[in-house]
C-alpha atoms as a PDB file:
ATOM      1  CA  MET A   1     -10.125   4.734 123.948  1.00  0.00           C
ATOM      2  CA  SER A   2      -8.837   4.177 127.454  1.00  0.00           C
ATOM      3  CA  ALA A   3      -5.514   5.566 128.688  1.00  0.00           C
ATOM      4  CA  LYS A   4      -4.206   2.035 129.242  1.00  0.00           C
ATOM      5  CA  LEU A   5      -4.978   1.128 125.563  1.00  0.00           C
ATOM      6  CA  LYS A   6      -3.489   4.366 124.296  1.00  0.00           C
ATOM      7  CA  SER A   7      -0.287   3.613 126.290  1.00  0.00           C
ATOM      8  CA  ARG A   8      -0.031   0.158 124.802  1.00  0.00           C
ATOM      9  CA  LEU A   9      -0.611   1.470 121.326  1.00  0.00           C
ATOM     10  CA  PHE A  10       2.102   4.127 121.774  1.00  0.00           C
ATOM     11  CA  VAL A  11       4.530   1.524 123.081  1.00  0.00           C
ATOM     12  CA  SER A  12       3.765  -0.771 120.077  1.00  0.00           C
ATOM     13  CA  VAL A  13       4.251   2.097 117.535  1.00  0.00           C
ATOM     14  CA  LEU A  14       7.452   3.161 119.221  1.00  0.00           C
ATOM     15  CA  LEU A  15       8.772  -0.472 119.204  1.00  0.00           C
ATOM     16  CA  VAL A  16       8.003  -0.922 115.516  1.00  0.00           C
ATOM     17  CA  PHE A  17       9.711   2.461 114.847  1.00  0.00           C
ATOM     18  CA  MET A  18      12.804   1.569 116.752  1.00  0.00           C
ATOM     19  CA  LEU A  19      12.972  -1.887 114.941  1.00  0.00           C
ATOM     20  CA  LEU A  20      12.800  -0.142 111.611  1.00  0.00           C
ATOM     21  CA  LEU A  21      15.393   2.363 112.661  1.00  0.00           C
ATOM     22  CA  SER A  22      17.684  -0.412 113.778  1.00  0.00           C
ATOM     23  CA  LEU A  23      17.717  -1.684 110.203  1.00  0.00           C
ATOM     24  CA  ALA A  24      20.025   1.270 109.335  1.00  0.00           C
ATOM     25  CA  VAL A  25      22.748  -0.534 111.364  1.00  0.00           C
ATOM     26  CA  ILE A  26      21.715  -4.130 110.954  1.00  0.00           C
ATOM     27  CA  VAL A  27      21.585  -4.172 107.193  1.00  0.00           C
ATOM     28  CA  PRO A  28      25.074  -2.754 106.481  1.00  0.00           C
ATOM     29  CA  LEU A  29      26.451  -5.044 109.189  1.00  0.00           C
ATOM     30  CA  MET A  30      24.895  -8.099 107.508  1.00  0.00           C
ATOM     31  CA  ILE A  31      26.186  -6.977 104.102  1.00  0.00           C
ATOM     32  CA  MET A  32      29.631  -6.620 105.512  1.00  0.00           C
ATOM     33  CA  LEU A  33      29.421 -10.057 107.307  1.00  0.00           C
ATOM     34  CA  LEU A  34      28.140 -11.919 104.250  1.00  0.00           C
ATOM     35  CA  GLY A  35      30.636 -10.116 102.045  1.00  0.00           C
ATOM     36  CA  SER A  36      33.496 -11.416 104.162  1.00  0.00           C
ATOM     37  CA  PHE A  37      32.694 -14.941 102.881  1.00  0.00           C
ATOM     38  CA  LYS A  38      32.247 -13.951  99.211  1.00  0.00           C
ATOM     39  CA  ASN A  39      34.684 -13.822  96.322  1.00  0.00           C
ATOM     40  CA  PRO A  40      35.765 -10.436  94.899  1.00  0.00           C
ATOM     41  CA  THR A  41      33.122 -10.430  92.203  1.00  0.00           C
ATOM     42  CA  GLU A  42      30.195 -11.111  94.565  1.00  0.00           C
ATOM     43  CA  VAL A  43      31.431  -8.543  97.098  1.00  0.00           C
ATOM     44  CA  THR A  44      30.961  -5.674  94.696  1.00  0.00           C
ATOM     45  CA  ALA A  45      27.223  -6.243  94.519  1.00  0.00           C
ATOM     46  CA  PHE A  46      26.833  -5.106  98.111  1.00  0.00           C
ATOM     47  CA  ASP A  47      23.666  -7.161  98.712  1.00  0.00           C
ATOM     48  CA  LEU A  48      22.229  -9.572 101.162  1.00  0.00           C
ATOM     49  CA  LYS A  49      22.470 -12.661  98.959  1.00  0.00           C
ATOM     50  CA  LEU A  50      24.170 -15.678 100.417  1.00  0.00           C
ATOM     51  CA  PRO A  51      27.530 -16.568  98.861  1.00  0.00           C
ATOM     52  CA  LYS A  52      27.484 -19.220  96.262  1.00  0.00           C
ATOM     53  CA  VAL A  53      30.597 -20.714  97.894  1.00  0.00           C
ATOM     54  CA  TRP A  54      31.384 -19.906 101.473  1.00  0.00           C
ATOM     55  CA  LEU A  55      35.113 -18.837 101.468  1.00  0.00           C
ATOM     56  CA  PHE A  56      36.082 -19.201 105.077  1.00  0.00           C
ATOM     57  CA  GLY A  57      39.773 -18.900 104.086  1.00  0.00           C
ATOM     58  CA  ASN A  58      39.236 -15.147 103.466  1.00  0.00           C
ATOM     59  CA  TYR A  59      39.758 -14.650 107.289  1.00  0.00           C
ATOM     60  CA  ALA A  60      43.022 -16.615 107.268  1.00  0.00           C
ATOM     61  CA  GLU A  61      44.258 -14.628 104.306  1.00  0.00           C
ATOM     62  CA  VAL A  62      43.498 -11.383 105.950  1.00  0.00           C
ATOM     63  CA  PHE A  63      45.306 -12.339 109.160  1.00  0.00           C
ATOM     64  CA  GLU A  64      48.345 -13.646 107.178  1.00  0.00           C
ATOM     65  CA  LYS A  65      48.759 -11.067 104.437  1.00  0.00           C
ATOM     66  CA  GLY A  66      47.084  -8.064 105.967  1.00  0.00           C
ATOM     67  CA  GLY A  67      48.916  -8.149 109.252  1.00  0.00           C
ATOM     68  CA  LEU A  68      45.586  -7.835 111.138  1.00  0.00           C
ATOM     69  CA  ALA A  69      46.946  -9.336 114.344  1.00  0.00           C
ATOM     70  CA  THR A  70      49.804  -6.792 114.481  1.00  0.00           C
ATOM     71  CA  ALA A  71      47.412  -3.927 113.754  1.00  0.00           C
ATOM     72  CA  PHE A  72      44.989  -5.218 116.351  1.00  0.00           C
ATOM     73  CA  SER A  73      47.662  -5.479 119.078  1.00  0.00           C
ATOM     74  CA  ASN A  74      49.005  -1.999 118.159  1.00  0.00           C
ATOM     75  CA  SER A  75      45.526  -0.567 118.383  1.00  0.00           C
ATOM     76  CA  ILE A  76      44.936  -2.159 121.808  1.00  0.00           C
ATOM     77  CA  PHE A  77      48.293  -0.881 123.097  1.00  0.00           C
ATOM     78  CA  ILE A  78      47.773   2.681 121.863  1.00  0.00           C
ATOM     79  CA  THR A  79      44.229   2.923 123.030  1.00  0.00           C
ATOM     80  CA  ALA A  80      44.826   1.464 126.464  1.00  0.00           C
ATOM     81  CA  VAL A  81      47.924   3.614 127.252  1.00  0.00           C
ATOM     82  CA  SER A  82      46.267   6.790 125.869  1.00  0.00           C
ATOM     83  CA  THR A  83      43.120   6.239 127.862  1.00  0.00           C
ATOM     84  CA  CYS A  84      45.012   5.525 131.161  1.00  0.00           C
ATOM     85  CA  THR A  85      47.326   8.494 130.572  1.00  0.00           C
ATOM     86  CA  THR A  86      44.362  10.733 129.888  1.00  0.00           C
ATOM     87  CA  ILE A  87      42.516   9.663 133.001  1.00  0.00           C
ATOM     88  CA  LEU A  88      45.497  10.242 135.178  1.00  0.00           C
ATOM     89  CA  ILE A  89      46.593  13.591 133.837  1.00  0.00           C
ATOM     90  CA  SER A  90      43.063  14.861 133.574  1.00  0.00           C
ATOM     91  CA  SER A  91      42.065  13.944 137.090  1.00  0.00           C
ATOM     92  CA  ILE A  92      45.166  15.413 138.623  1.00  0.00           C
ATOM     93  CA  ALA A  93      44.778  18.595 136.715  1.00  0.00           C
ATOM     94  CA  ALA A  94      41.090  18.854 137.518  1.00  0.00           C
ATOM     95  CA  PHE A  95      41.842  18.337 141.244  1.00  0.00           C
ATOM     96  CA  VAL A  96      44.097  21.415 141.225  1.00  0.00           C
ATOM     97  CA  LEU A  97      41.691  23.481 139.174  1.00  0.00           C
ATOM     98  CA  ALA A  98      38.810  22.656 141.296  1.00  0.00           C
ATOM     99  CA  ARG A  99      40.499  23.228 144.691  1.00  0.00           C
ATOM    100  CA  LYS A 100      42.841  26.148 143.970  1.00  0.00           C
ATOM    101  CA  LYS A 101      41.087  29.478 143.663  1.00  0.00           C
ATOM    102  CA  SER A 102      43.222  31.903 141.779  1.00  0.00           C
ATOM    103  CA  SER A 103      43.237  33.814 138.516  1.00  0.00           C
ATOM    104  CA  LEU A 104      45.655  31.301 136.961  1.00  0.00           C
ATOM    105  CA  SER A 105      43.403  28.292 137.830  1.00  0.00           C
ATOM    106  CA  ARG A 106      40.302  30.051 136.280  1.00  0.00           C
ATOM    107  CA  PHE A 107      42.312  30.915 133.210  1.00  0.00           C
ATOM    108  CA  LEU A 108      43.456  27.268 132.819  1.00  0.00           C
ATOM    109  CA  TYR A 109      39.894  26.065 133.382  1.00  0.00           C
ATOM    110  CA  TYR A 110      38.557  28.161 130.513  1.00  0.00           C
ATOM    111  CA  PHE A 111      41.700  27.235 128.530  1.00  0.00           C
ATOM    112  CA  PHE A 112      40.861  23.552 128.815  1.00  0.00           C
ATOM    113  CA  PHE A 113      37.233  24.358 127.968  1.00  0.00           C
ATOM    114  CA  ILE A 114      38.233  26.155 124.788  1.00  0.00           C
ATOM    115  CA  GLY A 115      40.234  23.031 123.881  1.00  0.00           C
ATOM    116  CA  THR A 116      36.973  21.096 123.613  1.00  0.00           C
ATOM    117  CA  ILE A 117      35.741  23.266 120.695  1.00  0.00           C
ATOM    118  CA  ILE A 118      38.832  24.257 118.712  1.00  0.00           C
ATOM    119  CA  PRO A 119      39.649  21.686 116.014  1.00  0.00           C
ATOM    120  CA  MET A 120      43.014  20.114 115.721  1.00  0.00           C
ATOM    121  CA  GLN A 121      45.358  21.706 113.251  1.00  0.00           C
ATOM    122  CA  VAL A 122      46.817  18.741 111.301  1.00  0.00           C
ATOM    123  CA  ILE A 123      49.771  20.251 109.454  1.00  0.00           C
ATOM    124  CA  PRO A 124      51.259  22.192 112.496  1.00  0.00           C
ATOM    125  CA  THR A 125      50.816  19.012 114.580  1.00  0.00           C
ATOM    126  CA  ILE A 126      52.744  16.986 112.126  1.00  0.00           C
ATOM    127  CA  LYS A 127      55.540  19.544 111.871  1.00  0.00           C
ATOM    128  CA  LEU A 128      55.760  19.646 115.682  1.00  0.00           C
ATOM    129  CA  SER A 129      55.947  15.898 115.803  1.00  0.00           C
ATOM    130  CA  ASN A 130      58.731  15.964 113.372  1.00  0.00           C
ATOM    131  CA  VAL A 131      60.693  18.520 115.352  1.00  0.00           C
ATOM    132  CA  PHE A 132      60.545  16.431 118.503  1.00  0.00           C
ATOM    133  CA  GLY A 133      61.220  13.220 116.574  1.00  0.00           C
ATOM    134  CA  PHE A 134      58.021  11.498 117.583  1.00  0.00           C
ATOM    135  CA  TYR A 135      56.311  11.242 114.187  1.00  0.00           C
ATOM    136  CA  GLY A 136      55.531   7.696 113.080  1.00  0.00           C
ATOM    137  CA  GLY A 137      55.981   6.020 116.443  1.00  0.00           C
ATOM    138  CA  TYR A 138      53.916   4.879 119.393  1.00  0.00           C
ATOM    139  CA  MET A 139      54.797   8.034 121.412  1.00  0.00           C
ATOM    140  CA  ASN A 140      53.429  10.338 118.729  1.00  0.00           C
ATOM    141  CA  ALA A 141      50.081   8.555 118.518  1.00  0.00           C
ATOM    142  CA  ILE A 142      49.679   8.356 122.380  1.00  0.00           C
ATOM    143  CA  LEU A 143      50.597  11.978 122.911  1.00  0.00           C
ATOM    144  CA  LEU A 144      48.198  13.070 120.136  1.00  0.00           C
ATOM    145  CA  TYR A 145      45.285  11.190 121.478  1.00  0.00           C
ATOM    146  CA  CYS A 146      45.883  12.326 124.956  1.00  0.00           C
ATOM    147  CA  ALA A 147      46.088  15.922 123.824  1.00  0.00           C
ATOM    148  CA  LEU A 148      42.801  15.534 121.902  1.00  0.00           C
ATOM    149  CA  ASN A 149      40.946  14.081 124.916  1.00  0.00           C
ATOM    150  CA  ILE A 150      42.467  15.757 127.950  1.00  0.00           C
ATOM    151  CA  SER A 151      40.485  19.019 127.526  1.00  0.00           C
ATOM    152  CA  PHE A 152      37.022  17.365 127.556  1.00  0.00           C
ATOM    153  CA  SER A 153      38.031  14.878 130.255  1.00  0.00           C
ATOM    154  CA  CYS A 154      39.481  17.621 132.550  1.00  0.00           C
ATOM    155  CA  PHE A 155      36.280  19.514 132.118  1.00  0.00           C
ATOM    156  CA  LEU A 156      34.221  16.563 133.341  1.00  0.00           C
ATOM    157  CA  TYR A 157      36.555  15.864 136.258  1.00  0.00           C
ATOM    158  CA  THR A 158      36.616  19.444 137.401  1.00  0.00           C
ATOM    159  CA  GLY A 159      32.781  19.634 137.534  1.00  0.00           C
ATOM    160  CA  PHE A 160      32.665  16.333 139.521  1.00  0.00           C
ATOM    161  CA  ILE A 161      35.431  17.234 141.964  1.00  0.00           C
ATOM    162  CA  LYS A 162      33.828  20.579 142.772  1.00  0.00           C
ATOM    163  CA  GLY A 163      30.901  18.624 144.108  1.00  0.00           C
ATOM    164  CA  LEU A 164      33.080  16.730 146.639  1.00  0.00           C
ATOM    165  CA  PRO A 165      33.258  18.423 150.073  1.00  0.00           C
ATOM    166  CA  ARG A 166      36.541  20.208 150.884  1.00  0.00           C
ATOM    167  CA  SER A 167      36.258  18.824 154.407  1.00  0.00           C
ATOM    168  CA  LEU A 168      37.694  15.507 153.078  1.00  0.00           C
ATOM    169  CA  ASP A 169      40.830  17.321 151.945  1.00  0.00           C
ATOM    170  CA  GLU A 170      41.195  19.266 155.149  1.00  0.00           C
ATOM    171  CA  ALA A 171      40.821  16.225 157.335  1.00  0.00           C
ATOM    172  CA  ALA A 172      43.519  14.452 155.335  1.00  0.00           C
ATOM    173  CA  PHE A 173      45.865  17.453 155.570  1.00  0.00           C
ATOM    174  CA  LEU A 174      45.329  17.556 159.346  1.00  0.00           C
ATOM    175  CA  ASP A 175      46.418  13.916 159.580  1.00  0.00           C
ATOM    176  CA  GLY A 176      49.672  14.953 157.853  1.00  0.00           C
ATOM    177  CA  ALA A 177      48.896  13.787 154.296  1.00  0.00           C
ATOM    178  CA  SER A 178      50.720  15.369 151.388  1.00  0.00           C
ATOM    179  CA  VAL A 179      48.833  16.732 148.372  1.00  0.00           C
ATOM    180  CA  PHE A 180      49.571  13.620 146.238  1.00  0.00           C
ATOM    181  CA  ARG A 181      48.471  11.362 149.174  1.00  0.00           C
ATOM    182  CA  VAL A 182      45.184  13.344 149.545  1.00  0.00           C
ATOM    183  CA  PHE A 183      44.496  12.946 145.784  1.00  0.00           C
ATOM    184  CA  PHE A 184      45.384   9.346 145.327  1.00  0.00           C
ATOM    185  CA  SER A 185      43.994   8.045 148.737  1.00  0.00           C
ATOM    186  CA  VAL A 186      41.026  10.286 149.290  1.00  0.00           C
ATOM    187  CA  ILE A 187      39.843  11.952 146.109  1.00  0.00           C
ATOM    188  CA  PHE A 188      40.730   9.481 143.309  1.00  0.00           C
ATOM    189  CA  PRO A 189      38.802   6.522 144.835  1.00  0.00           C
ATOM    190  CA  LEU A 190      35.640   8.754 144.834  1.00  0.00           C
ATOM    191  CA  LEU A 191      36.050   9.369 141.106  1.00  0.00           C
ATOM    192  CA  LYS A 192      34.872   5.916 140.103  1.00  0.00           C
ATOM    193  CA  PRO A 193      31.685   7.135 138.318  1.00  0.00           C
ATOM    194  CA  VAL A 194      33.434   9.803 136.281  1.00  0.00           C
ATOM    195  CA  ASN A 195      36.454   7.574 135.759  1.00  0.00           C
ATOM    196  CA  MET A 196      34.162   4.983 134.050  1.00  0.00           C
ATOM    197  CA  THR A 197      32.531   7.743 132.019  1.00  0.00           C
ATOM    198  CA  VAL A 198      35.802   9.132 130.795  1.00  0.00           C
ATOM    199  CA  MET A 199      37.299   5.646 130.181  1.00  0.00           C
ATOM    200  CA  ILE A 200      34.327   4.673 127.933  1.00  0.00           C
ATOM    201  CA  LEU A 201      34.145   7.937 126.064  1.00  0.00           C
ATOM    202  CA  VAL A 202      37.997   8.216 125.539  1.00  0.00           C
ATOM    203  CA  PHE A 203      38.453   4.493 124.763  1.00  0.00           C
ATOM    204  CA  MET A 204      35.699   4.420 122.137  1.00  0.00           C
ATOM    205  CA  ASN A 205      36.851   7.748 120.656  1.00  0.00           C
ATOM    206  CA  ILE A 206      40.366   6.529 120.186  1.00  0.00           C
ATOM    207  CA  TRP A 207      39.394   2.992 119.153  1.00  0.00           C
ATOM    208  CA  ASN A 208      37.023   4.311 116.450  1.00  0.00           C
ATOM    209  CA  ASP A 209      39.691   6.703 115.128  1.00  0.00           C
ATOM    210  CA  ILE A 210      42.523   4.108 114.857  1.00  0.00           C
END
């Protein structure tokens, strides 16, 4: 058997395998989609049978009685604000950690790293939210999601910023720029690749959790 034929056979087998593997996602999705048009009795069967009667009014009922529109708008608001706040705070913190060489910066770098592996303590977090009066509001959810994602985001930003030449900072300082001006005018525009990475990861993480 020639190498070209072996390559085609391998690609074909891989394609069939991936198609079969995709059924693990497609089949539950189809069951959910078809179930949305069924009556309560048919839904409990969890099968791929078509509904006897297509109940399109199920969607209107969910939006009206379930408050889906309000829940969706709340999710968008919390996710967007949390993601933007995480990107801003993480990038600024990473800039300081990457550029400032001191024992404190090294400690904080490892402190953020440890935050990526230590699980959240639910009960102390709830009690702390009650103490500050944030529990049950937008601020509580936003601060919580920011705290959960800042450690990993800062870790990514720090590694990326360390790869940027210090000469950019020095040239801006020589021109009289402040630290904030250097960051927002010089460094931050160069963070587009990692910004997109962090945005996707954090957004999906929060969105799937809400």
